[in-house]
C-alpha atoms as a PDB file:
ATOM      1  CA  MET A   1     -19.345 -11.370  11.395  1.00  0.00           C
ATOM      2  CA  ALA A   2     -16.128 -11.816   9.430  1.00  0.00           C
ATOM      3  CA  GLU A   3     -15.877 -10.845   5.795  1.00  0.00           C
ATOM      4  CA  PRO A   4     -16.684 -13.836   3.536  1.00  0.00           C
ATOM      5  CA  CYS A   5     -13.218 -13.802   1.977  1.00  0.00           C
ATOM      6  CA  GLU A   6     -11.227 -13.353   5.189  1.00  0.00           C
ATOM      7  CA  ARG A   7     -10.211 -16.957   5.987  1.00  0.00           C
ATOM      8  CA  SER A   8     -11.297 -18.511   2.688  1.00  0.00           C
ATOM      9  CA  PRO A   9     -10.070 -15.984   0.136  1.00  0.00           C
ATOM     10  CA  CYS A  10     -12.039 -15.369  -2.995  1.00  0.00           C
ATOM     11  CA  PRO A  11     -10.987 -17.842  -5.705  1.00  0.00           C
ATOM     12  CA  ASN A  12     -10.310 -15.036  -8.198  1.00  0.00           C
ATOM     13  CA  ALA A  13      -7.858 -13.345  -5.843  1.00  0.00           C
ATOM     14  CA  LEU A  14      -6.009 -16.591  -5.266  1.00  0.00           C
ATOM     15  CA  ALA A  15      -5.901 -17.436  -8.942  1.00  0.00           C
ATOM     16  CA  MET A  16      -4.184 -14.097  -9.549  1.00  0.00           C
ATOM     17  CA  ALA A  17      -1.776 -14.618  -6.698  1.00  0.00           C
ATOM     18  CA  ARG A  18      -0.785 -18.096  -7.939  1.00  0.00           C
ATOM     19  CA  VAL A  19       0.430 -19.103  -4.498  1.00  0.00           C
ATOM     20  CA  PRO A  20       1.101 -22.847  -4.482  1.00  0.00           C
ATOM     21  CA  ALA A  21      -0.641 -24.324  -1.450  1.00  0.00           C
ATOM     22  CA  ARG A  22      -3.391 -26.890  -1.008  1.00  0.00           C
ATOM     23  CA  ARG A  23      -5.364 -25.294   1.793  1.00  0.00           C
ATOM     24  CA  TRP A  24      -7.169 -21.981   1.371  1.00  0.00           C
ATOM     25  CA  ALA A  25      -6.074 -20.852   4.828  1.00  0.00           C
ATOM     26  CA  THR A  26      -2.429 -21.565   3.974  1.00  0.00           C
ATOM     27  CA  ARG A  27      -2.735 -19.551   0.777  1.00  0.00           C
ATOM     28  CA  ALA A  28      -4.332 -16.666   2.646  1.00  0.00           C
ATOM     29  CA  ASP A  29      -1.556 -16.728   5.249  1.00  0.00           C
ATOM     30  CA  LEU A  30       1.161 -16.785   2.584  1.00  0.00           C
ATOM     31  CA  ILE A  31      -0.449 -13.915   0.690  1.00  0.00           C
ATOM     32  CA  SER A  32      -0.647 -11.935   3.921  1.00  0.00           C
ATOM     33  CA  GLN A  33       3.020 -12.617   4.720  1.00  0.00           C
ATOM     34  CA  LEU A  34       4.132 -11.646   1.213  1.00  0.00           C
ATOM     35  CA  ASP A  35       2.014  -8.523   1.334  1.00  0.00           C
ATOM     36  CA  GLU A  36       3.754  -7.468   4.564  1.00  0.00           C
ATOM     37  CA  ALA A  37       7.107  -7.608   2.785  1.00  0.00           C
ATOM     38  CA  ARG A  38       5.700  -5.769  -0.243  1.00  0.00           C
ATOM     39  CA  LEU A  39       4.306  -3.043   2.006  1.00  0.00           C
ATOM     40  CA  ARG A  40       7.708  -2.718   3.667  1.00  0.00           C
ATOM     41  CA  ILE A  41       9.166  -2.009   0.232  1.00  0.00           C
ATOM     42  CA  GLU A  42       6.353   0.447  -0.533  1.00  0.00           C
ATOM     43  CA  GLU A  43       7.005   2.407   2.674  1.00  0.00           C
ATOM     44  CA  ASP A  44      10.406   3.517   1.503  1.00  0.00           C
ATOM     45  CA  PRO A  45      11.769   1.995  -1.715  1.00  0.00           C
ATOM     46  CA  ALA A  46      14.815   4.265  -1.507  1.00  0.00           C
ATOM     47  CA  SER A  47      16.098   2.357   1.508  1.00  0.00           C
ATOM     48  CA  ALA A  48      14.363  -0.949   0.906  1.00  0.00           C
ATOM     49  CA  PRO A  49      15.755  -3.724   3.073  1.00  0.00           C
ATOM     50  CA  ALA A  50      17.893  -6.556   1.780  1.00  0.00           C
ATOM     51  CA  LEU A  51      16.373  -9.831   0.620  1.00  0.00           C
ATOM     52  CA  ASP A  52      17.202 -11.534   3.928  1.00  0.00           C
ATOM     53  CA  ALA A  53      15.321  -8.877   5.900  1.00  0.00           C
ATOM     54  CA  LEU A  54      12.326  -9.039   3.559  1.00  0.00           C
ATOM     55  CA  ALA A  55      12.214 -12.818   3.875  1.00  0.00           C
ATOM     56  CA  GLU A  56      12.366 -12.445   7.645  1.00  0.00           C
ATOM     57  CA  THR A  57       9.491  -9.943   7.517  1.00  0.00           C
ATOM     58  CA  ALA A  58       7.443 -12.553   5.660  1.00  0.00           C
ATOM     59  CA  SER A  59       8.584 -15.290   8.085  1.00  0.00           C
ATOM     60  CA  LEU A  60       9.874 -17.386   5.213  1.00  0.00           C
ATOM     61  CA  SER A  61      13.225 -18.743   4.151  1.00  0.00           C
ATOM     62  CA  LYS A  62      15.062 -16.600   1.609  1.00  0.00           C
ATOM     63  CA  HIS A  63      14.603 -19.150  -1.176  1.00  0.00           C
ATOM     64  CA  HIS A  64      10.912 -19.761  -0.430  1.00  0.00           C
ATOM     65  CA  PHE A  65      10.242 -16.021  -0.136  1.00  0.00           C
ATOM     66  CA  LEU A  66      11.941 -15.250  -3.440  1.00  0.00           C
ATOM     67  CA  ARG A  67      10.017 -17.981  -5.265  1.00  0.00           C
ATOM     68  CA  LEU A  68       6.638 -17.030  -3.780  1.00  0.00           C
ATOM     69  CA  PHE A  69       7.144 -13.274  -4.232  1.00  0.00           C
ATOM     70  CA  ARG A  70       7.946 -13.740  -7.894  1.00  0.00           C
ATOM     71  CA  SER A  71       5.032 -16.076  -8.540  1.00  0.00           C
ATOM     72  CA  SER A  72       2.620 -13.798  -6.654  1.00  0.00           C
ATOM     73  CA  PHE A  73       3.637 -10.366  -7.932  1.00  0.00           C
ATOM     74  CA  GLY A  74       5.321 -11.210 -11.226  1.00  0.00           C
ATOM     75  CA  TYR A  75       8.677  -9.688 -10.269  1.00  0.00           C
ATOM     76  CA  THR A  76      11.574 -10.575  -8.047  1.00  0.00           C
ATOM     77  CA  PRO A  77      11.816  -8.352  -4.959  1.00  0.00           C
ATOM     78  CA  ASN A  78      14.835  -6.509  -6.400  1.00  0.00           C
ATOM     79  CA  ARG A  79      13.052  -5.871  -9.690  1.00  0.00           C
ATOM     80  CA  TYR A  80       9.987  -4.672  -7.780  1.00  0.00           C
ATOM     81  CA  ILE A  81      12.140  -2.240  -5.786  1.00  0.00           C
ATOM     82  CA  THR A  82      13.758  -0.948  -8.983  1.00  0.00           C
ATOM     83  CA  LEU A  83      10.415  -0.403 -10.676  1.00  0.00           C
ATOM     84  CA  ARG A  84       9.083   1.440  -7.612  1.00  0.00           C
ATOM     85  CA  ARG A  85      12.175   3.673  -7.593  1.00  0.00           C
ATOM     86  CA  ILE A  86      11.753   4.464 -11.291  1.00  0.00           C
ATOM     87  CA  GLY A  87       8.074   5.255 -10.711  1.00  0.00           C
ATOM     88  CA  ILE A  88       8.898   7.634  -7.877  1.00  0.00           C
ATOM     89  CA  ALA A  89      11.644   9.246  -9.960  1.00  0.00           C
ATOM     90  CA  LYS A  90       9.170   9.835 -12.799  1.00  0.00           C
ATOM     91  CA  GLU A  91       6.750  11.510 -10.396  1.00  0.00           C
ATOM     92  CA  LEU A  92       9.501  13.703  -8.979  1.00  0.00           C
ATOM     93  CA  LEU A  93      10.734  14.660 -12.433  1.00  0.00           C
ATOM     94  CA  LEU A  94       7.234  15.620 -13.530  1.00  0.00           C
ATOM     95  CA  ASN A  95       6.005  17.317 -10.369  1.00  0.00           C
ATOM     96  CA  THR A  96       9.009  19.005  -8.786  1.00  0.00           C
ATOM     97  CA  THR A  97      11.887  21.259  -9.762  1.00  0.00           C
ATOM     98  CA  LYS A  98      14.436  19.087  -7.939  1.00  0.00           C
ATOM     99  CA  THR A  99      17.663  18.441  -9.780  1.00  0.00           C
ATOM    100  CA  VAL A 100      18.365  15.037 -11.282  1.00  0.00           C
ATOM    101  CA  THR A 101      21.136  14.611  -8.709  1.00  0.00           C
ATOM    102  CA  GLN A 102      18.737  15.253  -5.828  1.00  0.00           C
ATOM    103  CA  ILE A 103      16.159  12.871  -7.288  1.00  0.00           C
ATOM    104  CA  ALA A 104      18.837  10.212  -7.723  1.00  0.00           C
ATOM    105  CA  LEU A 105      19.673  10.460  -4.026  1.00  0.00           C
ATOM    106  CA  ASP A 106      16.000  10.616  -3.025  1.00  0.00           C
ATOM    107  CA  VAL A 107      15.220   7.311  -4.750  1.00  0.00           C
ATOM    108  CA  GLY A 108      18.220   5.525  -3.275  1.00  0.00           C
ATOM    109  CA  CYS A 109      20.796   5.547  -6.062  1.00  0.00           C
ATOM    110  CA  GLU A 110      24.388   5.994  -4.944  1.00  0.00           C
ATOM    111  CA  THR A 111      25.422   8.262  -7.815  1.00  0.00           C
ATOM    112  CA  PRO A 112      23.616  10.373 -10.402  1.00  0.00           C
ATOM    113  CA  SER A 113      25.323   8.448 -13.200  1.00  0.00           C
ATOM    114  CA  SER A 114      24.058   5.077 -11.918  1.00  0.00           C
ATOM    115  CA  PHE A 115      20.582   6.607 -11.624  1.00  0.00           C
ATOM    116  CA  THR A 116      20.754   7.942 -15.183  1.00  0.00           C
ATOM    117  CA  ARG A 117      21.824   4.525 -16.538  1.00  0.00           C
ATOM    118  CA  LEU A 118      19.059   2.762 -14.624  1.00  0.00           C
ATOM    119  CA  PHE A 119      16.421   5.311 -15.638  1.00  0.00           C
ATOM    120  CA  LYS A 120      17.424   5.165 -19.306  1.00  0.00           C
ATOM    121  CA  LYS A 121      17.427   1.362 -19.259  1.00  0.00           C
ATOM    122  CA  HIS A 122      13.819   1.307 -18.041  1.00  0.00           C
ATOM    123  CA  THR A 123      12.334   4.286 -19.882  1.00  0.00           C
ATOM    124  CA  GLY A 124      14.489   4.680 -22.979  1.00  0.00           C
ATOM    125  CA  GLN A 125      15.246   8.292 -22.031  1.00  0.00           C
ATOM    126  CA  SER A 126      17.616  10.019 -19.674  1.00  0.00           C
ATOM    127  CA  PRO A 127      15.928  11.743 -16.714  1.00  0.00           C
ATOM    128  CA  SER A 128      16.579  15.150 -18.322  1.00  0.00           C
ATOM    129  CA  GLU A 129      15.063  14.018 -21.628  1.00  0.00           C
ATOM    130  CA  PHE A 130      12.072  12.579 -19.782  1.00  0.00           C
ATOM    131  CA  ARG A 131      11.465  15.880 -18.006  1.00  0.00           C
ATOM    132  CA  ARG A 132      12.018  17.923 -21.175  1.00  0.00           C
ATOM    133  CA  ASN A 133       9.665  15.729 -23.234  1.00  0.00           C
ATOM    134  CA  SER A 134       6.925  15.819 -20.615  1.00  0.00           C
ATOM    135  CA  ASN A 135       4.470  18.621 -19.995  1.00  0.00           C
ATOM    136  CA  PHE A 136       6.563  19.919 -17.078  1.00  0.00           C
ATOM    137  CA  GLY A 137       6.319  23.673 -16.880  1.00  0.00           C
ATOM    138  CA  LYS A 138       3.977  23.947 -19.844  1.00  0.00           C
ATOM    139  CA  ALA A 139       0.668  25.676 -19.329  1.00  0.00           C
END
């Protein structure tokens, strides 16, 4: 027997997703398509595909994909990718001894200076300050 929310998703889940569609099945399909694109970003945010490729993954037009992704997840795809990269960078800064330059390359930034600007914009600290102010290396 299928799960009760498989083809008729739970109303709470759909309310959170805010996917505009009349039929429950259509909403479930759209959520599934958007989730495929989101998972593609999650697999490797450092080399996340372009918007056109993500829209193709979701089998939607670029405009429709962008609108639905933002309404469902609260961020545009590019913003989502950036936030994932910053999150990974924070983990690497806290849990490894890699250099800031290596981390910048690992998360997909072209140069360490662009990474530092991006990191500081989102956290209020440079990567070095973030690492220094954390509990890294402290017992």
